[in-house]
Amino acid sequence: MFARLFLDHPAKVDETFFEHMLFALKFAGLLFAAGAAALVHALIPCLFEKTASGIIARLYERTHNRGR
């Protein structure tokens, strides 16, 4: 049960638990940054015109086909 919950998925992407945790925390931080940029852009359209979409595109590139 422990392995299934904490180790199986990181192993599928060739990472240890802590490597995967660090990657996921960085990913979450960038998603929060993209959300904040989108929120500011919604209120003041001339700011952060491409920031959120640029972050999302970079995250997609980092994760596409990961562990396959």
PDB file of N, CA and C in Angstrom:
ATOM      1  N   MET A   1       0.825  -1.202   0.000  1.00  0.00           N
ATOM      2  CA  MET A   1       0.000   0.000   0.000  1.00  0.00           C
ATOM      3  C   MET A   1       0.868   1.265   0.000  1.00  0.00           C
ATOM      4  N   PHE A   2       1.901   1.301   0.833  1.00  0.00           N
ATOM      5  CA  PHE A   2       2.797   2.466   0.903  1.00  0.00           C
ATOM      6  C   PHE A   2       3.435   2.731  -0.457  1.00  0.00           C
ATOM      7  N   ALA A   3       3.971   1.671  -1.050  1.00  0.00           N
ATOM      8  CA  ALA A   3       4.625   1.823  -2.353  1.00  0.00           C
ATOM      9  C   ALA A   3       3.648   2.329  -3.398  1.00  0.00           C
ATOM     10  N   ARG A   4       2.433   1.794  -3.383  1.00  0.00           N
ATOM     11  CA  ARG A   4       1.435   2.218  -4.373  1.00  0.00           C
ATOM     12  C   ARG A   4       1.116   3.697  -4.216  1.00  0.00           C
ATOM     13  N   LEU A   5       0.998   4.154  -2.986  1.00  0.00           N
ATOM     14  CA  LEU A   5       0.634   5.553  -2.733  1.00  0.00           C
ATOM     15  C   LEU A   5       1.776   6.539  -3.003  1.00  0.00           C
ATOM     16  N   PHE A   6       2.993   6.166  -2.672  1.00  0.00           N
ATOM     17  CA  PHE A   6       4.082   7.135  -2.668  1.00  0.00           C
ATOM     18  C   PHE A   6       5.224   6.858  -3.642  1.00  0.00           C
ATOM     19  N   LEU A   7       5.362   5.644  -4.125  1.00  0.00           N
ATOM     20  CA  LEU A   7       6.549   5.319  -4.911  1.00  0.00           C
ATOM     21  C   LEU A   7       6.275   4.908  -6.346  1.00  0.00           C
ATOM     22  N   ASP A   8       5.127   4.315  -6.606  1.00  0.00           N
ATOM     23  CA  ASP A   8       4.862   3.783  -7.947  1.00  0.00           C
ATOM     24  C   ASP A   8       4.863   4.864  -9.024  1.00  0.00           C
ATOM     25  N   HIS A   9       4.132   5.920  -8.817  1.00  0.00           N
ATOM     26  CA  HIS A   9       4.065   6.966  -9.847  1.00  0.00           C
ATOM     27  C   HIS A   9       5.418   7.639 -10.077  1.00  0.00           C
ATOM     28  N   PRO A  10       6.129   8.084  -9.036  1.00  0.00           N
ATOM     29  CA  PRO A  10       7.454   8.672  -9.302  1.00  0.00           C
ATOM     30  C   PRO A  10       8.368   7.721 -10.080  1.00  0.00           C
ATOM     31  N   ALA A  11       8.299   6.442  -9.775  1.00  0.00           N
ATOM     32  CA  ALA A  11       9.127   5.475 -10.497  1.00  0.00           C
ATOM     33  C   ALA A  11       8.766   5.412 -11.977  1.00  0.00           C
ATOM     34  N   LYS A  12       7.480   5.618 -12.289  1.00  0.00           N
ATOM     35  CA  LYS A  12       7.044   5.588 -13.694  1.00  0.00           C
ATOM     36  C   LYS A  12       7.674   6.707 -14.512  1.00  0.00           C
ATOM     37  N   VAL A  13       8.046   7.806 -13.853  1.00  0.00           N
ATOM     38  CA  VAL A  13       8.700   8.924 -14.555  1.00  0.00           C
ATOM     39  C   VAL A  13      10.182   8.988 -14.197  1.00  0.00           C
ATOM     40  N   ASP A  14      10.705   7.861 -13.716  1.00  0.00           N
ATOM     41  CA  ASP A  14      12.128   7.690 -13.415  1.00  0.00           C
ATOM     42  C   ASP A  14      12.643   8.719 -12.403  1.00  0.00           C
ATOM     43  N   GLU A  15      11.890   8.883 -11.315  1.00  0.00           N
ATOM     44  CA  GLU A  15      12.282   9.796 -10.249  1.00  0.00           C
ATOM     45  C   GLU A  15      12.104   9.114  -8.897  1.00  0.00           C
ATOM     46  N   THR A  16      12.840   9.619  -7.916  1.00  0.00           N
ATOM     47  CA  THR A  16      12.589   9.195  -6.550  1.00  0.00           C
ATOM     48  C   THR A  16      11.381   9.973  -6.038  1.00  0.00           C
ATOM     49  N   PHE A  17      10.902   9.606  -4.864  1.00  0.00           N
ATOM     50  CA  PHE A  17       9.787  10.328  -4.258  1.00  0.00           C
ATOM     51  C   PHE A  17      10.128  11.809  -4.092  1.00  0.00           C
ATOM     52  N   PHE A  18      11.325  12.105  -3.567  1.00  0.00           N
ATOM     53  CA  PHE A  18      11.692  13.495  -3.299  1.00  0.00           C
ATOM     54  C   PHE A  18      11.964  14.286  -4.579  1.00  0.00           C
ATOM     55  N   GLU A  19      12.533  13.656  -5.587  1.00  0.00           N
ATOM     56  CA  GLU A  19      12.700  14.330  -6.883  1.00  0.00           C
ATOM     57  C   GLU A  19      11.336  14.692  -7.458  1.00  0.00           C
ATOM     58  N   HIS A  20      10.404  13.759  -7.359  1.00  0.00           N
ATOM     59  CA  HIS A  20       9.071  14.004  -7.892  1.00  0.00           C
ATOM     60  C   HIS A  20       8.345  15.082  -7.083  1.00  0.00           C
ATOM     61  N   MET A  21       8.524  15.061  -5.769  1.00  0.00           N
ATOM     62  CA  MET A  21       7.901  16.070  -4.921  1.00  0.00           C
ATOM     63  C   MET A  21       8.424  17.463  -5.282  1.00  0.00           C
ATOM     64  N   LEU A  22       9.736  17.598  -5.479  1.00  0.00           N
ATOM     65  CA  LEU A  22      10.306  18.888  -5.847  1.00  0.00           C
ATOM     66  C   LEU A  22       9.777  19.357  -7.202  1.00  0.00           C
ATOM     67  N   PHE A  23       9.725  18.444  -8.172  1.00  0.00           N
ATOM     68  CA  PHE A  23       9.190  18.788  -9.486  1.00  0.00           C
ATOM     69  C   PHE A  23       7.747  19.264  -9.370  1.00  0.00           C
ATOM     70  N   ALA A  24       6.929  18.530  -8.613  1.00  0.00           N
ATOM     71  CA  ALA A  24       5.515  18.875  -8.470  1.00  0.00           C
ATOM     72  C   ALA A  24       5.327  20.199  -7.731  1.00  0.00           C
ATOM     73  N   LEU A  25       6.162  20.469  -6.737  1.00  0.00           N
ATOM     74  CA  LEU A  25       6.074  21.751  -6.024  1.00  0.00           C
ATOM     75  C   LEU A  25       6.444  22.920  -6.929  1.00  0.00           C
ATOM     76  N   LYS A  26       7.479  22.750  -7.740  1.00  0.00           N
ATOM     77  CA  LYS A  26       7.845  23.799  -8.705  1.00  0.00           C
ATOM     78  C   LYS A  26       6.722  24.004  -9.719  1.00  0.00           C
ATOM     79  N   PHE A  27       6.162  22.904 -10.175  1.00  0.00           N
ATOM     80  CA  PHE A  27       5.058  22.952 -11.128  1.00  0.00           C
ATOM     81  C   PHE A  27       3.880  23.721 -10.529  1.00  0.00           C
ATOM     82  N   ALA A  28       3.537  23.409  -9.284  1.00  0.00           N
ATOM     83  CA  ALA A  28       2.434  24.091  -8.605  1.00  0.00           C
ATOM     84  C   ALA A  28       2.716  25.577  -8.454  1.00  0.00           C
ATOM     85  N   GLY A  29       3.948  25.917  -8.101  1.00  0.00           N
ATOM     86  CA  GLY A  29       4.318  27.335  -7.969  1.00  0.00           C
ATOM     87  C   GLY A  29       4.163  28.082  -9.277  1.00  0.00           C
ATOM     88  N   LEU A  30       4.569  27.452 -10.365  1.00  0.00           N
ATOM     89  CA  LEU A  30       4.419  28.097 -11.673  1.00  0.00           C
ATOM     90  C   LEU A  30       2.951  28.214 -12.076  1.00  0.00           C
ATOM     91  N   LEU A  31       2.146  27.228 -11.706  1.00  0.00           N
ATOM     92  CA  LEU A  31       0.709  27.337 -11.986  1.00  0.00           C
ATOM     93  C   LEU A  31       0.078  28.485 -11.203  1.00  0.00           C
ATOM     94  N   PHE A  32       0.484  28.650  -9.947  1.00  0.00           N
ATOM     95  CA  PHE A  32      -0.002  29.791  -9.158  1.00  0.00           C
ATOM     96  C   PHE A  32       0.426  31.106  -9.796  1.00  0.00           C
ATOM     97  N   ALA A  33       1.673  31.172 -10.271  1.00  0.00           N
ATOM     98  CA  ALA A  33       2.165  32.385 -10.932  1.00  0.00           C
ATOM     99  C   ALA A  33       1.363  32.671 -12.201  1.00  0.00           C
ATOM    100  N   ALA A  34       1.069  31.624 -12.974  1.00  0.00           N
ATOM    101  CA  ALA A  34       0.271  31.803 -14.188  1.00  0.00           C
ATOM    102  C   ALA A  34      -1.124  32.298 -13.834  1.00  0.00           C
ATOM    103  N   GLY A  35      -1.711  31.739 -12.788  1.00  0.00           N
ATOM    104  CA  GLY A  35      -3.034  32.182 -12.353  1.00  0.00           C
ATOM    105  C   GLY A  35      -3.033  33.628 -11.901  1.00  0.00           C
ATOM    106  N   ALA A  36      -2.004  34.016 -11.157  1.00  0.00           N
ATOM    107  CA  ALA A  36      -1.901  35.404 -10.698  1.00  0.00           C
ATOM    108  C   ALA A  36      -1.739  36.357 -11.885  1.00  0.00           C
ATOM    109  N   ALA A  37      -0.921  35.976 -12.853  1.00  0.00           N
ATOM    110  CA  ALA A  37      -0.732  36.809 -14.042  1.00  0.00           C
ATOM    111  C   ALA A  37      -2.042  36.935 -14.814  1.00  0.00           C
ATOM    112  N   ALA A  38      -2.784  35.845 -14.929  1.00  0.00           N
ATOM    113  CA  ALA A  38      -4.066  35.880 -15.634  1.00  0.00           C
ATOM    114  C   ALA A  38      -5.073  36.764 -14.898  1.00  0.00           C
ATOM    115  N   LEU A  39      -5.051  36.703 -13.576  1.00  0.00           N
ATOM    116  CA  LEU A  39      -5.952  37.546 -12.784  1.00  0.00           C
ATOM    117  C   LEU A  39      -5.636  39.020 -12.969  1.00  0.00           C
ATOM    118  N   VAL A  40      -4.361  39.372 -12.907  1.00  0.00           N
ATOM    119  CA  VAL A  40      -3.969  40.766 -13.124  1.00  0.00           C
ATOM    120  C   VAL A  40      -4.338  41.184 -14.547  1.00  0.00           C
ATOM    121  N   HIS A  41      -4.078  40.302 -15.510  1.00  0.00           N
ATOM    122  CA  HIS A  41      -4.408  40.612 -16.903  1.00  0.00           C
ATOM    123  C   HIS A  41      -5.916  40.832 -17.088  1.00  0.00           C
ATOM    124  N   ALA A  42      -6.719  40.084 -16.364  1.00  0.00           N
ATOM    125  CA  ALA A  42      -8.171  40.261 -16.465  1.00  0.00           C
ATOM    126  C   ALA A  42      -8.593  41.651 -16.006  1.00  0.00           C
ATOM    127  N   LEU A  43      -7.903  42.167 -15.011  1.00  0.00           N
ATOM    128  CA  LEU A  43      -8.244  43.480 -14.466  1.00  0.00           C
ATOM    129  C   LEU A  43      -7.594  44.622 -15.241  1.00  0.00           C
ATOM    130  N   ILE A  44      -6.364  44.403 -15.695  1.00  0.00           N
ATOM    131  CA  ILE A  44      -5.619  45.428 -16.436  1.00  0.00           C
ATOM    132  C   ILE A  44      -5.042  44.757 -17.684  1.00  0.00           C
ATOM    133  N   PRO A  45      -5.794  44.746 -18.770  1.00  0.00           N
ATOM    134  CA  PRO A  45      -5.439  43.961 -19.949  1.00  0.00           C
ATOM    135  C   PRO A  45      -4.077  44.253 -20.572  1.00  0.00           C
ATOM    136  N   CYS A  46      -3.524  45.429 -20.348  1.00  0.00           N
ATOM    137  CA  CYS A  46      -2.226  45.721 -20.965  1.00  0.00           C
ATOM    138  C   CYS A  46      -1.057  45.082 -20.210  1.00  0.00           C
ATOM    139  N   LEU A  47      -1.326  44.495 -19.042  1.00  0.00           N
ATOM    140  CA  LEU A  47      -0.272  43.838 -18.267  1.00  0.00           C
ATOM    141  C   LEU A  47      -0.323  42.325 -18.465  1.00  0.00           C
ATOM    142  N   PHE A  48       0.840  41.709 -18.466  1.00  0.00           N
ATOM    143  CA  PHE A  48       0.974  40.245 -18.542  1.00  0.00           C
ATOM    144  C   PHE A  48       0.186  39.646 -19.707  1.00  0.00           C
ATOM    145  N   GLU A  49       0.316  40.254 -20.875  1.00  0.00           N
ATOM    146  CA  GLU A  49      -0.464  39.817 -22.033  1.00  0.00           C
ATOM    147  C   GLU A  49      -0.190  38.367 -22.443  1.00  0.00           C
ATOM    148  N   LYS A  50       1.040  37.915 -22.288  1.00  0.00           N
ATOM    149  CA  LYS A  50       1.386  36.552 -22.726  1.00  0.00           C
ATOM    150  C   LYS A  50       2.018  35.726 -21.611  1.00  0.00           C
ATOM    151  N   THR A  51       2.059  36.255 -20.411  1.00  0.00           N
ATOM    152  CA  THR A  51       2.751  35.582 -19.315  1.00  0.00           C
ATOM    153  C   THR A  51       2.123  34.241 -18.959  1.00  0.00           C
ATOM    154  N   ALA A  52       0.833  34.216 -18.701  1.00  0.00           N
ATOM    155  CA  ALA A  52       0.173  32.971 -18.293  1.00  0.00           C
ATOM    156  C   ALA A  52       0.280  31.910 -19.383  1.00  0.00           C
ATOM    157  N   SER A  53       0.007  32.281 -20.614  1.00  0.00           N
ATOM    158  CA  SER A  53       0.073  31.292 -21.698  1.00  0.00           C
ATOM    159  C   SER A  53       1.507  30.812 -21.913  1.00  0.00           C
ATOM    160  N   GLY A  54       2.483  31.689 -21.726  1.00  0.00           N
ATOM    161  CA  GLY A  54       3.885  31.279 -21.849  1.00  0.00           C
ATOM    162  C   GLY A  54       4.281  30.275 -20.773  1.00  0.00           C
ATOM    163  N   ILE A  55       3.840  30.515 -19.548  1.00  0.00           N
ATOM    164  CA  ILE A  55       4.127  29.578 -18.452  1.00  0.00           C
ATOM    165  C   ILE A  55       3.480  28.229 -18.736  1.00  0.00           C
ATOM    166  N   ILE A  56       2.231  28.250 -19.156  1.00  0.00           N
ATOM    167  CA  ILE A  56       1.521  26.996 -19.453  1.00  0.00           C
ATOM    168  C   ILE A  56       2.214  26.235 -20.586  1.00  0.00           C
ATOM    169  N   ALA A  57       2.651  26.943 -21.612  1.00  0.00           N
ATOM    170  CA  ALA A  57       3.343  26.291 -22.729  1.00  0.00           C
ATOM    171  C   ALA A  57       4.647  25.639 -22.259  1.00  0.00           C
ATOM    172  N   ARG A  58       5.405  26.337 -21.401  1.00  0.00           N
ATOM    173  CA  ARG A  58       6.654  25.769 -20.883  1.00  0.00           C
ATOM    174  C   ARG A  58       6.379  24.541 -20.005  1.00  0.00           C
ATOM    175  N   LEU A  59       5.335  24.608 -19.193  1.00  0.00           N
ATOM    176  CA  LEU A  59       4.984  23.455 -18.361  1.00  0.00           C
ATOM    177  C   LEU A  59       4.579  22.271 -19.224  1.00  0.00           C
ATOM    178  N   TYR A  60       3.839  22.527 -20.271  1.00  0.00           N
ATOM    179  CA  TYR A  60       3.439  21.457 -21.179  1.00  0.00           C
ATOM    180  C   TYR A  60       4.669  20.789 -21.793  1.00  0.00           C
ATOM    181  N   GLU A  61       5.625  21.609 -22.249  1.00  0.00           N
ATOM    182  CA  GLU A  61       6.848  21.065 -22.843  1.00  0.00           C
ATOM    183  C   GLU A  61       7.601  20.197 -21.846  1.00  0.00           C
ATOM    184  N   ARG A  62       7.642  20.609 -20.593  1.00  0.00           N
ATOM    185  CA  ARG A  62       8.360  19.845 -19.560  1.00  0.00           C
ATOM    186  C   ARG A  62       7.690  18.523 -19.254  1.00  0.00           C
ATOM    187  N   THR A  63       6.391  18.448 -19.392  1.00  0.00           N
ATOM    188  CA  THR A  63       5.675  17.252 -18.969  1.00  0.00           C
ATOM    189  C   THR A  63       5.224  16.353 -20.120  1.00  0.00           C
ATOM    190  N   HIS A  64       5.184  16.853 -21.332  1.00  0.00           N
ATOM    191  CA  HIS A  64       4.696  16.056 -22.463  1.00  0.00           C
ATOM    192  C   HIS A  64       5.601  14.855 -22.684  1.00  0.00           C
ATOM    193  N   ASN A  65       5.015  13.702 -22.753  1.00  0.00           N
ATOM    194  CA  ASN A  65       5.715  12.439 -22.953  1.00  0.00           C
ATOM    195  C   ASN A  65       6.680  12.098 -21.827  1.00  0.00           C
ATOM    196  N   ARG A  66       6.522  12.700 -20.677  1.00  0.00           N
ATOM    197  CA  ARG A  66       7.402  12.422 -19.537  1.00  0.00           C
ATOM    198  C   ARG A  66       7.154  11.009 -19.029  1.00  0.00           C
ATOM    199  N   GLY A  67       8.218  10.264 -18.868  1.00  0.00           N
ATOM    200  CA  GLY A  67       8.111   8.919 -18.318  1.00  0.00           C
ATOM    201  C   GLY A  67       7.590   7.879 -19.279  1.00  0.00           C
ATOM    202  N   ARG A  68       7.565   8.204 -20.570  1.00  0.00           N
ATOM    203  CA  ARG A  68       7.075   7.216 -21.554  1.00  0.00           C
ATOM    204  C   ARG A  68       8.228   6.550 -22.226  1.00  0.00           C
TER     205      ARG A  68
END
